[in-house]
Amino acid sequence: MTADIIKKNKEINAFIEKGNEILAKLGFTDHGAGHCTLVSERAGFIMQKFGEAENAVELAKIAGYMHDIGNAVNRRHHAEYGSLLANEILRGLDISAEDRIEIVSCIANHDESTGGAFDRISAALIIADKTDVRRNRVGVKDRSAFDIHDRVNFAVENAALKVSLEKKQISLNLQIDESICTMCDYFDIFLGRMLMCRKAAEFFDCRFKLMANGSKVL
């Protein structure tokens, strides 16, 4: 089973589309195909950088693409709902029980409210998901209607995830327009997620570093 096959699955894409439609009505940032594709590719990139086997890379990419399907049920506990949906969908596809269970477990544990990394695949998913901060995730066009999540994402002019094997470091480098969002605002929203990334990075024997406007903040 490959991530490319998963990305063409109509049922999976229908769940992603519906979840994003619901969240958009509730005022959330993008959780659609764009976000899921980025998380999938970034999780695969992290696994590849650390020399993981091809199958493990694909599992990280599959989990990355499917991780938010639970939003079609409810935002609260979407990780757990998503894992149950993924289990049912994957049962009907050509994938081993071991690989299916790995994907399901990663999805169930990707949210900071109830989960955490337990191996390298889950760690790659968490880092890939929690570091997707960017201006074009904001769907609201009227700035006067922005909530704090909108402001924080819209303020990010550039975001780059870097992996250094030599320094044993995974870093998220942000360029933030502080006239839109202060660093205090950023930490109000993202501190829990960044701490989750720090714990996830330990599975790769790395430190997680957050840089904003050239200064280290975590």
N, C-alpha and C. Protein backbone atom coordinates (compact mmCIF):
# COMPACT_ATOMS: atom_id res chain seq x y z
N MET A 1 0.84 -1.20 0.00
CA MET A 1 0.00 0.00 0.00
C MET A 1 0.88 1.26 0.00
N THR A 2 0.53 2.23 -0.83
CA THR A 2 1.31 3.47 -0.91
C THR A 2 0.42 4.68 -0.62
N ALA A 3 1.06 5.75 -0.29
CA ALA A 3 0.32 6.99 -0.02
C ALA A 3 -0.37 7.50 -1.28
N ASP A 4 0.24 7.28 -2.44
CA ASP A 4 -0.38 7.74 -3.69
C ASP A 4 -1.73 7.06 -3.92
N ILE A 5 -1.84 5.78 -3.58
CA ILE A 5 -3.11 5.07 -3.71
C ILE A 5 -4.14 5.65 -2.73
N ILE A 6 -3.70 5.89 -1.51
CA ILE A 6 -4.59 6.45 -0.48
C ILE A 6 -5.12 7.81 -0.90
N LYS A 7 -4.27 8.63 -1.50
CA LYS A 7 -4.67 9.98 -1.88
C LYS A 7 -5.72 9.99 -2.99
N LYS A 8 -5.86 8.87 -3.70
CA LYS A 8 -6.85 8.77 -4.77
C LYS A 8 -8.13 8.09 -4.29
N ASN A 9 -8.18 7.67 -3.02
CA ASN A 9 -9.34 6.96 -2.49
C ASN A 9 -10.50 7.93 -2.31
N LYS A 10 -11.63 7.67 -2.97
CA LYS A 10 -12.76 8.58 -2.96
C LYS A 10 -13.39 8.72 -1.57
N GLU A 11 -13.45 7.61 -0.83
CA GLU A 11 -14.07 7.67 0.50
C GLU A 11 -13.22 8.51 1.45
N ILE A 12 -11.92 8.30 1.43
CA ILE A 12 -11.03 9.09 2.29
C ILE A 12 -11.13 10.57 1.95
N ASN A 13 -11.11 10.89 0.65
CA ASN A 13 -11.19 12.28 0.24
C ASN A 13 -12.54 12.90 0.59
N ALA A 14 -13.60 12.10 0.57
CA ALA A 14 -14.92 12.60 0.96
C ALA A 14 -14.95 12.96 2.44
N PHE A 15 -14.31 12.14 3.29
CA PHE A 15 -14.24 12.45 4.72
C PHE A 15 -13.42 13.71 4.96
N ILE A 16 -12.31 13.85 4.25
CA ILE A 16 -11.46 15.04 4.41
C ILE A 16 -12.24 16.29 3.99
N GLU A 17 -12.92 16.20 2.85
CA GLU A 17 -13.68 17.35 2.34
C GLU A 17 -14.81 17.74 3.30
N LYS A 18 -15.53 16.75 3.81
CA LYS A 18 -16.63 17.04 4.73
C LYS A 18 -16.12 17.63 6.04
N GLY A 19 -15.05 17.07 6.56
CA GLY A 19 -14.47 17.59 7.79
C GLY A 19 -14.03 19.03 7.64
N ASN A 20 -13.42 19.34 6.51
CA ASN A 20 -12.96 20.71 6.28
C ASN A 20 -14.13 21.66 6.09
N GLU A 21 -15.18 21.17 5.44
CA GLU A 21 -16.39 21.98 5.26
C GLU A 21 -17.01 22.35 6.61
N ILE A 22 -17.09 21.37 7.51
CA ILE A 22 -17.65 21.61 8.85
C ILE A 22 -16.79 22.60 9.63
N LEU A 23 -15.48 22.38 9.61
CA LEU A 23 -14.58 23.25 10.37
C LEU A 23 -14.58 24.67 9.82
N ALA A 24 -14.70 24.81 8.50
CA ALA A 24 -14.75 26.14 7.91
C ALA A 24 -15.96 26.92 8.42
N LYS A 25 -17.09 26.22 8.56
CA LYS A 25 -18.30 26.87 9.08
C LYS A 25 -18.13 27.26 10.55
N LEU A 26 -17.28 26.52 11.26
CA LEU A 26 -17.03 26.81 12.67
C LEU A 26 -15.91 27.81 12.87
N GLY A 27 -15.31 28.26 11.76
CA GLY A 27 -14.28 29.29 11.85
C GLY A 27 -12.86 28.79 11.99
N PHE A 28 -12.63 27.49 11.71
CA PHE A 28 -11.28 26.93 11.81
C PHE A 28 -10.47 27.21 10.55
N THR A 29 -9.16 27.09 10.67
CA THR A 29 -8.27 27.19 9.52
C THR A 29 -8.38 25.93 8.66
N ASP A 30 -7.71 25.94 7.52
CA ASP A 30 -7.78 24.84 6.56
C ASP A 30 -7.36 23.51 7.16
N HIS A 31 -8.24 22.51 7.03
CA HIS A 31 -7.93 21.13 7.40
C HIS A 31 -8.27 20.21 6.25
N GLY A 32 -8.24 20.75 5.04
CA GLY A 32 -8.62 20.00 3.86
C GLY A 32 -7.46 19.29 3.19
N ALA A 33 -7.63 19.04 1.89
CA ALA A 33 -6.63 18.28 1.14
C ALA A 33 -5.27 18.95 1.14
N GLY A 34 -5.26 20.29 1.14
CA GLY A 34 -3.98 21.01 1.15
C GLY A 34 -3.18 20.71 2.40
N HIS A 35 -3.85 20.82 3.54
CA HIS A 35 -3.19 20.53 4.83
C HIS A 35 -2.78 19.06 4.90
N CYS A 36 -3.68 18.16 4.53
CA CYS A 36 -3.39 16.72 4.63
C CYS A 36 -2.25 16.31 3.71
N THR A 37 -2.21 16.89 2.52
CA THR A 37 -1.12 16.58 1.59
C THR A 37 0.21 17.08 2.13
N LEU A 38 0.22 18.30 2.66
CA LEU A 38 1.46 18.85 3.22
C LEU A 38 1.95 17.99 4.39
N VAL A 39 1.04 17.61 5.29
CA VAL A 39 1.43 16.80 6.44
C VAL A 39 1.97 15.45 5.98
N SER A 40 1.33 14.86 4.98
CA SER A 40 1.78 13.58 4.43
C SER A 40 3.21 13.68 3.90
N GLU A 41 3.44 14.68 3.06
CA GLU A 41 4.77 14.83 2.45
C GLU A 41 5.83 15.18 3.49
N ARG A 42 5.45 16.02 4.45
CA ARG A 42 6.42 16.42 5.49
C ARG A 42 6.77 15.25 6.40
N ALA A 43 5.78 14.43 6.75
CA ALA A 43 6.05 13.25 7.58
C ALA A 43 6.98 12.29 6.85
N GLY A 44 6.73 12.11 5.54
CA GLY A 44 7.62 11.26 4.74
C GLY A 44 9.02 11.81 4.66
N PHE A 45 9.12 13.12 4.50
CA PHE A 45 10.43 13.79 4.44
C PHE A 45 11.22 13.56 5.72
N ILE A 46 10.56 13.70 6.86
CA ILE A 46 11.25 13.50 8.14
C ILE A 46 11.76 12.06 8.25
N MET A 47 10.92 11.10 7.90
CA MET A 47 11.31 9.69 7.98
C MET A 47 12.48 9.38 7.04
N GLN A 48 12.42 9.93 5.84
CA GLN A 48 13.50 9.71 4.88
C GLN A 48 14.81 10.31 5.36
N LYS A 49 14.75 11.51 5.94
CA LYS A 49 15.97 12.16 6.43
C LYS A 49 16.68 11.31 7.47
N PHE A 50 15.93 10.54 8.24
CA PHE A 50 16.53 9.71 9.27
C PHE A 50 16.74 8.27 8.81
N GLY A 51 16.65 8.06 7.50
CA GLY A 51 17.02 6.76 6.93
C GLY A 51 16.09 5.62 7.24
N GLU A 52 14.81 5.94 7.47
CA GLU A 52 13.86 4.88 7.79
C GLU A 52 13.53 4.05 6.54
N ALA A 53 13.09 2.81 6.76
CA ALA A 53 12.77 1.90 5.65
C ALA A 53 11.62 2.45 4.82
N GLU A 54 11.58 2.05 3.55
CA GLU A 54 10.58 2.56 2.61
C GLU A 54 9.15 2.34 3.11
N ASN A 55 8.88 1.17 3.70
CA ASN A 55 7.53 0.89 4.18
C ASN A 55 7.15 1.83 5.32
N ALA A 56 8.10 2.11 6.22
CA ALA A 56 7.83 3.02 7.33
C ALA A 56 7.57 4.43 6.82
N VAL A 57 8.30 4.83 5.79
CA VAL A 57 8.08 6.15 5.17
C VAL A 57 6.65 6.23 4.63
N GLU A 58 6.22 5.18 3.92
CA GLU A 58 4.87 5.17 3.35
C GLU A 58 3.80 5.18 4.44
N LEU A 59 4.04 4.47 5.53
CA LEU A 59 3.06 4.46 6.63
C LEU A 59 2.92 5.86 7.23
N ALA A 60 4.02 6.56 7.37
CA ALA A 60 3.97 7.94 7.89
C ALA A 60 3.20 8.84 6.93
N LYS A 61 3.42 8.66 5.64
CA LYS A 61 2.73 9.47 4.64
C LYS A 61 1.23 9.16 4.61
N ILE A 62 0.88 7.87 4.74
CA ILE A 62 -0.53 7.48 4.76
C ILE A 62 -1.22 8.05 6.00
N ALA A 63 -0.60 7.88 7.16
CA ALA A 63 -1.16 8.42 8.40
C ALA A 63 -1.29 9.94 8.30
N GLY A 64 -0.30 10.57 7.69
CA GLY A 64 -0.35 12.02 7.52
C GLY A 64 -1.51 12.48 6.67
N TYR A 65 -1.79 11.75 5.61
CA TYR A 65 -2.89 12.14 4.74
C TYR A 65 -4.25 11.89 5.39
N MET A 66 -4.36 10.82 6.17
CA MET A 66 -5.64 10.43 6.76
C MET A 66 -5.89 11.01 8.15
N HIS A 67 -4.94 11.71 8.72
CA HIS A 67 -4.98 11.99 10.16
C HIS A 67 -6.18 12.84 10.60
N ASP A 68 -6.77 13.63 9.71
CA ASP A 68 -7.85 14.53 10.12
C ASP A 68 -9.23 14.10 9.64
N ILE A 69 -9.39 12.85 9.18
CA ILE A 69 -10.71 12.44 8.67
C ILE A 69 -11.77 12.44 9.76
N GLY A 70 -11.38 12.35 11.01
CA GLY A 70 -12.33 12.35 12.12
C GLY A 70 -13.07 13.65 12.30
N ASN A 71 -12.58 14.74 11.68
CA ASN A 71 -13.29 16.01 11.75
C ASN A 71 -14.67 15.94 11.10
N ALA A 72 -14.86 14.94 10.22
CA ALA A 72 -16.17 14.77 9.59
C ALA A 72 -17.21 14.29 10.59
N VAL A 73 -16.74 13.74 11.72
CA VAL A 73 -17.64 13.30 12.79
C VAL A 73 -17.81 14.42 13.81
N ASN A 74 -16.70 14.89 14.36
CA ASN A 74 -16.73 15.98 15.33
C ASN A 74 -15.31 16.44 15.59
N ARG A 75 -15.13 17.75 15.76
CA ARG A 75 -13.78 18.26 16.04
C ARG A 75 -13.26 17.72 17.38
N ARG A 76 -14.14 17.68 18.37
CA ARG A 76 -13.72 17.15 19.67
C ARG A 76 -13.50 15.65 19.54
N HIS A 77 -12.35 15.19 19.96
CA HIS A 77 -11.95 13.79 19.85
C HIS A 77 -11.83 13.33 18.39
N HIS A 78 -11.49 14.28 17.50
CA HIS A 78 -11.38 13.92 16.09
C HIS A 78 -10.28 12.90 15.83
N ALA A 79 -9.26 12.87 16.68
CA ALA A 79 -8.19 11.89 16.50
C ALA A 79 -8.71 10.48 16.72
N GLU A 80 -9.48 10.31 17.79
CA GLU A 80 -10.02 8.99 18.09
C GLU A 80 -11.07 8.56 17.05
N TYR A 81 -11.97 9.50 16.68
CA TYR A 81 -12.95 9.18 15.65
C TYR A 81 -12.25 8.84 14.34
N GLY A 82 -11.22 9.61 14.02
CA GLY A 82 -10.48 9.37 12.78
C GLY A 82 -9.82 8.01 12.75
N SER A 83 -9.32 7.57 13.88
CA SER A 83 -8.66 6.26 13.93
C SER A 83 -9.66 5.14 13.68
N LEU A 84 -10.87 5.29 14.21
CA LEU A 84 -11.90 4.27 14.01
C LEU A 84 -12.35 4.24 12.55
N LEU A 85 -12.52 5.43 11.96
CA LEU A 85 -12.87 5.49 10.55
C LEU A 85 -11.77 4.89 9.69
N ALA A 86 -10.52 5.23 10.00
CA ALA A 86 -9.39 4.71 9.23
C ALA A 86 -9.31 3.20 9.31
N ASN A 87 -9.57 2.66 10.48
CA ASN A 87 -9.53 1.21 10.65
C ASN A 87 -10.54 0.53 9.73
N GLU A 88 -11.75 1.06 9.66
CA GLU A 88 -12.79 0.47 8.82
C GLU A 88 -12.44 0.59 7.34
N ILE A 89 -11.93 1.75 6.94
CA ILE A 89 -11.57 1.95 5.54
C ILE A 89 -10.41 1.05 5.13
N LEU A 90 -9.39 1.00 5.96
CA LEU A 90 -8.19 0.23 5.62
C LEU A 90 -8.44 -1.27 5.62
N ARG A 91 -9.44 -1.71 6.38
CA ARG A 91 -9.79 -3.13 6.39
C ARG A 91 -10.14 -3.63 4.98
N GLY A 92 -10.70 -2.73 4.18
CA GLY A 92 -11.11 -3.12 2.84
C GLY A 92 -10.05 -2.92 1.78
N LEU A 93 -8.87 -2.54 2.19
CA LEU A 93 -7.78 -2.30 1.24
C LEU A 93 -6.67 -3.33 1.42
N ASP A 94 -5.78 -3.35 0.45
CA ASP A 94 -4.69 -4.34 0.44
C ASP A 94 -3.54 -3.87 1.34
N ILE A 95 -3.72 -4.09 2.65
CA ILE A 95 -2.71 -3.67 3.62
C ILE A 95 -2.70 -4.68 4.75
N SER A 96 -1.53 -4.95 5.30
CA SER A 96 -1.43 -5.94 6.38
C SER A 96 -2.06 -5.41 7.66
N ALA A 97 -2.45 -6.32 8.53
CA ALA A 97 -3.04 -5.93 9.81
C ALA A 97 -2.06 -5.10 10.62
N GLU A 98 -0.78 -5.48 10.58
CA GLU A 98 0.23 -4.76 11.35
C GLU A 98 0.36 -3.31 10.88
N ASP A 99 0.38 -3.12 9.56
CA ASP A 99 0.50 -1.76 9.02
C ASP A 99 -0.78 -0.95 9.28
N ARG A 100 -1.92 -1.59 9.17
CA ARG A 100 -3.20 -0.92 9.44
C ARG A 100 -3.25 -0.45 10.89
N ILE A 101 -2.85 -1.29 11.81
CA ILE A 101 -2.89 -0.94 13.23
C ILE A 101 -1.91 0.19 13.53
N GLU A 102 -0.76 0.18 12.89
CA GLU A 102 0.21 1.26 13.08
C GLU A 102 -0.38 2.60 12.65
N ILE A 103 -1.00 2.63 11.49
CA ILE A 103 -1.62 3.86 10.99
C ILE A 103 -2.72 4.33 11.92
N VAL A 104 -3.58 3.41 12.32
CA VAL A 104 -4.69 3.74 13.23
C VAL A 104 -4.18 4.31 14.55
N SER A 105 -3.14 3.71 15.09
CA SER A 105 -2.57 4.17 16.36
C SER A 105 -1.98 5.56 16.23
N CYS A 106 -1.31 5.81 15.11
CA CYS A 106 -0.71 7.13 14.89
C CYS A 106 -1.79 8.21 14.79
N ILE A 107 -2.85 7.92 14.04
CA ILE A 107 -3.95 8.88 13.92
C ILE A 107 -4.58 9.15 15.28
N ALA A 108 -4.80 8.10 16.07
CA ALA A 108 -5.46 8.24 17.38
C ALA A 108 -4.65 9.09 18.34
N ASN A 109 -3.34 9.19 18.13
CA ASN A 109 -2.48 9.87 19.10
C ASN A 109 -1.85 11.16 18.59
N HIS A 110 -2.38 11.71 17.48
CA HIS A 110 -1.73 12.89 16.91
C HIS A 110 -2.16 14.21 17.55
N ASP A 111 -3.25 14.20 18.30
CA ASP A 111 -3.74 15.46 18.87
C ASP A 111 -3.16 15.70 20.26
N GLU A 112 -2.78 16.95 20.52
CA GLU A 112 -2.11 17.27 21.79
C GLU A 112 -3.01 17.12 23.01
N SER A 113 -4.33 17.15 22.82
CA SER A 113 -5.24 17.08 23.95
C SER A 113 -5.30 15.70 24.58
N THR A 114 -5.05 14.65 23.78
CA THR A 114 -5.19 13.29 24.30
C THR A 114 -4.05 12.35 23.91
N GLY A 115 -3.16 12.79 23.03
CA GLY A 115 -2.18 11.86 22.48
C GLY A 115 -0.73 12.24 22.72
N GLY A 116 0.13 11.59 21.96
CA GLY A 116 1.57 11.81 22.06
C GLY A 116 2.30 10.77 21.23
N ALA A 117 3.54 11.07 20.91
CA ALA A 117 4.34 10.15 20.10
C ALA A 117 4.69 8.90 20.89
N PHE A 118 4.68 7.76 20.21
CA PHE A 118 5.06 6.50 20.84
C PHE A 118 6.09 5.73 20.01
N ASP A 119 6.36 6.18 18.79
CA ASP A 119 7.42 5.61 17.96
C ASP A 119 7.78 6.65 16.89
N ARG A 120 8.68 6.30 15.98
CA ARG A 120 9.14 7.28 15.01
C ARG A 120 8.08 7.68 14.00
N ILE A 121 7.21 6.76 13.62
CA ILE A 121 6.17 7.09 12.66
C ILE A 121 5.18 8.08 13.27
N SER A 122 4.75 7.81 14.50
CA SER A 122 3.84 8.74 15.18
C SER A 122 4.52 10.08 15.43
N ALA A 123 5.80 10.06 15.73
CA ALA A 123 6.55 11.29 15.97
C ALA A 123 6.64 12.13 14.70
N ALA A 124 6.89 11.49 13.56
CA ALA A 124 6.97 12.21 12.29
C ALA A 124 5.63 12.85 11.95
N LEU A 125 4.53 12.12 12.20
CA LEU A 125 3.20 12.66 11.95
C LEU A 125 2.95 13.88 12.81
N ILE A 126 3.24 13.79 14.09
CA ILE A 126 3.00 14.90 15.01
C ILE A 126 3.79 16.13 14.61
N ILE A 127 5.06 15.98 14.33
CA ILE A 127 5.89 17.12 13.94
C ILE A 127 5.38 17.73 12.64
N ALA A 128 5.04 16.88 11.67
CA ALA A 128 4.55 17.37 10.39
C ALA A 128 3.25 18.15 10.55
N ASP A 129 2.35 17.65 11.38
CA ASP A 129 1.06 18.30 11.59
C ASP A 129 1.18 19.60 12.36
N LYS A 130 1.89 19.57 13.45
CA LYS A 130 1.92 20.73 14.35
C LYS A 130 2.79 21.86 13.81
N THR A 131 3.60 21.61 12.82
CA THR A 131 4.44 22.67 12.24
C THR A 131 3.82 23.27 10.99
N ASP A 132 2.59 22.87 10.64
CA ASP A 132 1.93 23.46 9.47
C ASP A 132 1.24 24.75 9.89
N VAL A 133 2.02 25.80 9.93
CA VAL A 133 1.53 27.13 10.28
C VAL A 133 1.83 28.03 9.08
N ARG A 134 0.79 28.60 8.47
CA ARG A 134 1.01 29.41 7.26
C ARG A 134 -0.20 30.28 6.98
N ARG A 135 0.08 31.37 6.29
CA ARG A 135 -0.95 32.36 5.98
C ARG A 135 -2.11 31.80 5.18
N ASN A 136 -1.81 30.94 4.19
CA ASN A 136 -2.90 30.48 3.32
C ASN A 136 -3.75 29.37 3.93
N ARG A 137 -3.57 29.07 5.22
CA ARG A 137 -4.52 28.19 5.92
C ARG A 137 -5.73 28.98 6.41
N VAL A 138 -5.65 30.29 6.37
CA VAL A 138 -6.75 31.13 6.86
C VAL A 138 -7.79 31.29 5.77
N GLY A 139 -9.03 30.85 6.05
CA GLY A 139 -10.10 30.94 5.08
C GLY A 139 -10.90 32.22 5.16
N VAL A 140 -10.87 32.87 6.33
CA VAL A 140 -11.63 34.11 6.53
C VAL A 140 -10.96 35.24 5.75
N LYS A 141 -11.73 35.95 4.94
CA LYS A 141 -11.17 37.02 4.12
C LYS A 141 -11.14 38.36 4.84
N ASP A 142 -12.12 38.58 5.72
CA ASP A 142 -12.25 39.85 6.43
C ASP A 142 -11.39 39.83 7.68
N ARG A 143 -10.34 40.63 7.71
CA ARG A 143 -9.42 40.61 8.86
C ARG A 143 -10.11 41.02 10.16
N SER A 144 -11.14 41.83 10.05
CA SER A 144 -11.83 42.26 11.28
C SER A 144 -12.55 41.10 11.94
N ALA A 145 -12.75 40.01 11.18
CA ALA A 145 -13.43 38.83 11.73
C ALA A 145 -12.46 37.77 12.22
N PHE A 146 -11.16 38.05 12.14
CA PHE A 146 -10.15 37.07 12.58
C PHE A 146 -10.28 36.77 14.06
N ASP A 147 -10.17 35.48 14.41
CA ASP A 147 -9.96 35.13 15.81
C ASP A 147 -8.46 34.94 16.01
N ILE A 148 -8.05 34.50 17.20
CA ILE A 148 -6.61 34.42 17.47
C ILE A 148 -5.91 33.39 16.58
N HIS A 149 -6.61 32.28 16.25
CA HIS A 149 -6.02 31.28 15.36
C HIS A 149 -5.76 31.87 13.98
N ASP A 150 -6.73 32.66 13.48
CA ASP A 150 -6.57 33.30 12.18
C ASP A 150 -5.40 34.28 12.21
N ARG A 151 -5.33 35.08 13.25
CA ARG A 151 -4.26 36.08 13.34
C ARG A 151 -2.90 35.42 13.37
N VAL A 152 -2.76 34.37 14.16
CA VAL A 152 -1.48 33.70 14.30
C VAL A 152 -1.04 33.11 12.97
N ASN A 153 -1.93 32.41 12.30
CA ASN A 153 -1.57 31.80 11.01
C ASN A 153 -1.32 32.87 9.94
N PHE A 154 -2.17 33.91 9.91
CA PHE A 154 -2.02 34.95 8.90
C PHE A 154 -0.73 35.74 9.09
N ALA A 155 -0.28 35.83 10.33
CA ALA A 155 0.95 36.58 10.61
C ALA A 155 2.21 35.89 10.12
N VAL A 156 2.12 34.58 9.86
CA VAL A 156 3.30 33.83 9.44
C VAL A 156 3.55 34.06 7.95
N GLU A 157 4.57 34.84 7.65
CA GLU A 157 4.91 35.16 6.27
C GLU A 157 5.73 34.05 5.61
N ASN A 158 6.49 33.33 6.41
CA ASN A 158 7.28 32.23 5.87
C ASN A 158 7.53 31.22 7.00
N ALA A 159 7.47 29.94 6.64
CA ALA A 159 7.73 28.87 7.62
C ALA A 159 8.55 27.78 6.94
N ALA A 160 9.62 27.37 7.58
CA ALA A 160 10.47 26.34 7.01
C ALA A 160 10.84 25.33 8.08
N LEU A 161 10.60 24.05 7.78
CA LEU A 161 11.00 22.97 8.69
C LEU A 161 12.33 22.41 8.20
N LYS A 162 13.30 22.39 9.08
CA LYS A 162 14.63 21.92 8.71
C LYS A 162 15.07 20.79 9.62
N VAL A 163 15.75 19.80 9.03
CA VAL A 163 16.28 18.67 9.78
C VAL A 163 17.79 18.65 9.60
N SER A 164 18.52 18.70 10.70
CA SER A 164 19.98 18.63 10.64
C SER A 164 20.44 17.38 11.36
N LEU A 165 20.96 16.41 10.60
CA LEU A 165 21.47 15.19 11.21
C LEU A 165 22.75 15.49 11.99
N GLU A 166 23.55 16.42 11.49
CA GLU A 166 24.81 16.76 12.15
C GLU A 166 24.57 17.39 13.52
N LYS A 167 23.62 18.31 13.57
CA LYS A 167 23.33 19.00 14.83
C LYS A 167 22.33 18.22 15.70
N LYS A 168 21.79 17.13 15.15
CA LYS A 168 20.72 16.38 15.82
C LYS A 168 19.61 17.34 16.24
N GLN A 169 19.08 18.00 15.22
CA GLN A 169 18.12 19.06 15.49
C GLN A 169 17.04 19.11 14.42
N ILE A 170 15.80 19.27 14.87
CA ILE A 170 14.67 19.53 13.99
C ILE A 170 14.18 20.92 14.35
N SER A 171 14.14 21.83 13.37
CA SER A 171 13.80 23.21 13.70
C SER A 171 12.70 23.75 12.79
N LEU A 172 11.84 24.56 13.39
CA LEU A 172 10.82 25.29 12.65
C LEU A 172 11.21 26.75 12.68
N ASN A 173 11.48 27.30 11.51
CA ASN A 173 11.92 28.68 11.40
C ASN A 173 10.78 29.53 10.83
N LEU A 174 10.29 30.47 11.62
CA LEU A 174 9.16 31.29 11.23
C LEU A 174 9.56 32.75 11.02
N GLN A 175 8.95 33.36 10.01
CA GLN A 175 9.03 34.81 9.84
C GLN A 175 7.64 35.34 10.13
N ILE A 176 7.51 36.09 11.22
CA ILE A 176 6.20 36.53 11.71
C ILE A 176 6.07 38.04 11.63
N ASP A 177 4.94 38.51 11.11
CA ASP A 177 4.62 39.93 11.12
C ASP A 177 4.03 40.25 12.49
N GLU A 178 4.83 40.84 13.36
CA GLU A 178 4.40 41.07 14.73
C GLU A 178 3.41 42.22 14.86
N SER A 179 3.11 42.91 13.76
CA SER A 179 2.04 43.91 13.80
C SER A 179 0.68 43.23 13.71
N ILE A 180 0.68 41.96 13.29
CA ILE A 180 -0.57 41.18 13.20
C ILE A 180 -0.74 40.28 14.41
N CYS A 181 0.38 39.70 14.84
CA CYS A 181 0.33 38.73 15.94
C CYS A 181 1.59 38.87 16.79
N THR A 182 1.42 39.02 18.08
CA THR A 182 2.58 39.08 18.97
C THR A 182 3.06 37.67 19.28
N MET A 183 4.27 37.55 19.77
CA MET A 183 4.79 36.23 20.16
C MET A 183 3.98 35.67 21.32
N CYS A 184 3.42 36.55 22.14
CA CYS A 184 2.55 36.09 23.23
C CYS A 184 1.32 35.40 22.67
N ASP A 185 0.73 35.99 21.62
CA ASP A 185 -0.42 35.36 20.95
C ASP A 185 -0.04 34.00 20.40
N TYR A 186 1.14 33.94 19.78
CA TYR A 186 1.59 32.69 19.19
C TYR A 186 1.67 31.59 20.25
N PHE A 187 2.27 31.92 21.37
CA PHE A 187 2.44 30.91 22.41
C PHE A 187 1.12 30.55 23.08
N ASP A 188 0.17 31.49 23.13
CA ASP A 188 -1.15 31.14 23.66
C ASP A 188 -1.75 29.97 22.90
N ILE A 189 -1.53 29.94 21.59
CA ILE A 189 -2.11 28.92 20.73
C ILE A 189 -1.22 27.70 20.57
N PHE A 190 0.09 27.93 20.43
CA PHE A 190 0.95 26.86 19.96
C PHE A 190 1.92 26.27 20.98
N LEU A 191 1.96 26.79 22.20
CA LEU A 191 2.94 26.26 23.15
C LEU A 191 2.76 24.76 23.36
N GLY A 192 1.52 24.32 23.58
CA GLY A 192 1.28 22.89 23.79
C GLY A 192 1.71 22.06 22.61
N ARG A 193 1.48 22.58 21.41
CA ARG A 193 1.86 21.85 20.20
C ARG A 193 3.38 21.79 20.04
N MET A 194 4.04 22.89 20.36
CA MET A 194 5.49 22.91 20.23
C MET A 194 6.16 21.99 21.26
N LEU A 195 5.60 21.93 22.46
CA LEU A 195 6.12 21.01 23.47
C LEU A 195 5.90 19.56 23.03
N MET A 196 4.79 19.32 22.35
CA MET A 196 4.52 17.99 21.80
C MET A 196 5.56 17.63 20.74
N CYS A 197 5.93 18.62 19.93
CA CYS A 197 6.98 18.41 18.92
C CYS A 197 8.33 18.12 19.58
N ARG A 198 8.59 18.80 20.68
CA ARG A 198 9.86 18.59 21.37
C ARG A 198 9.97 17.15 21.87
N LYS A 199 8.88 16.63 22.42
CA LYS A 199 8.89 15.24 22.88
C LYS A 199 8.98 14.27 21.70
N ALA A 200 8.30 14.61 20.60
CA ALA A 200 8.34 13.76 19.41
C ALA A 200 9.75 13.70 18.82
N ALA A 201 10.45 14.83 18.84
CA ALA A 201 11.81 14.87 18.28
C ALA A 201 12.77 13.95 19.02
N GLU A 202 12.48 13.68 20.28
CA GLU A 202 13.35 12.80 21.07
C GLU A 202 13.38 11.38 20.50
N PHE A 203 12.34 10.97 19.77
CA PHE A 203 12.33 9.64 19.16
C PHE A 203 13.34 9.54 18.03
N PHE A 204 13.81 10.69 17.54
CA PHE A 204 14.86 10.71 16.53
C PHE A 204 16.20 11.12 17.14
N ASP A 205 16.26 11.11 18.48
CA ASP A 205 17.46 11.54 19.20
C ASP A 205 17.84 12.97 18.82
N CYS A 206 16.84 13.80 18.69
CA CYS A 206 17.05 15.19 18.28
C CYS A 206 16.41 16.16 19.27
N ARG A 207 16.86 17.40 19.18
CA ARG A 207 16.21 18.50 19.88
C ARG A 207 15.27 19.19 18.90
N PHE A 208 14.15 19.70 19.39
CA PHE A 208 13.26 20.50 18.56
C PHE A 208 13.49 21.96 18.90
N LYS A 209 13.71 22.78 17.88
CA LYS A 209 13.98 24.20 18.10
C LYS A 209 12.99 25.04 17.31
N LEU A 210 12.44 26.05 17.95
CA LEU A 210 11.55 27.00 17.30
C LEU A 210 12.26 28.34 17.19
N MET A 211 12.35 28.84 15.95
CA MET A 211 12.96 30.14 15.70
C MET A 211 11.88 31.06 15.14
N ALA A 212 11.86 32.30 15.64
CA ALA A 212 10.91 33.29 15.12
C ALA A 212 11.66 34.59 14.87
N ASN A 213 11.61 35.06 13.64
CA ASN A 213 12.30 36.29 13.24
C ASN A 213 13.77 36.27 13.64
N GLY A 214 14.38 35.11 13.48
CA GLY A 214 15.81 34.98 13.72
C GLY A 214 16.21 34.72 15.14
N SER A 215 15.25 34.70 16.07
CA SER A 215 15.57 34.47 17.48
C SER A 215 15.01 33.14 17.95
N LYS A 216 15.77 32.46 18.79
CA LYS A 216 15.30 31.18 19.33
C LYS A 216 14.27 31.46 20.42
N VAL A 217 13.12 30.78 20.31
CA VAL A 217 12.08 30.98 21.32
C VAL A 217 11.73 29.67 22.04
N LEU A 218 12.24 28.55 21.53
CA LEU A 218 12.03 27.29 22.23
C LEU A 218 13.17 26.35 21.90
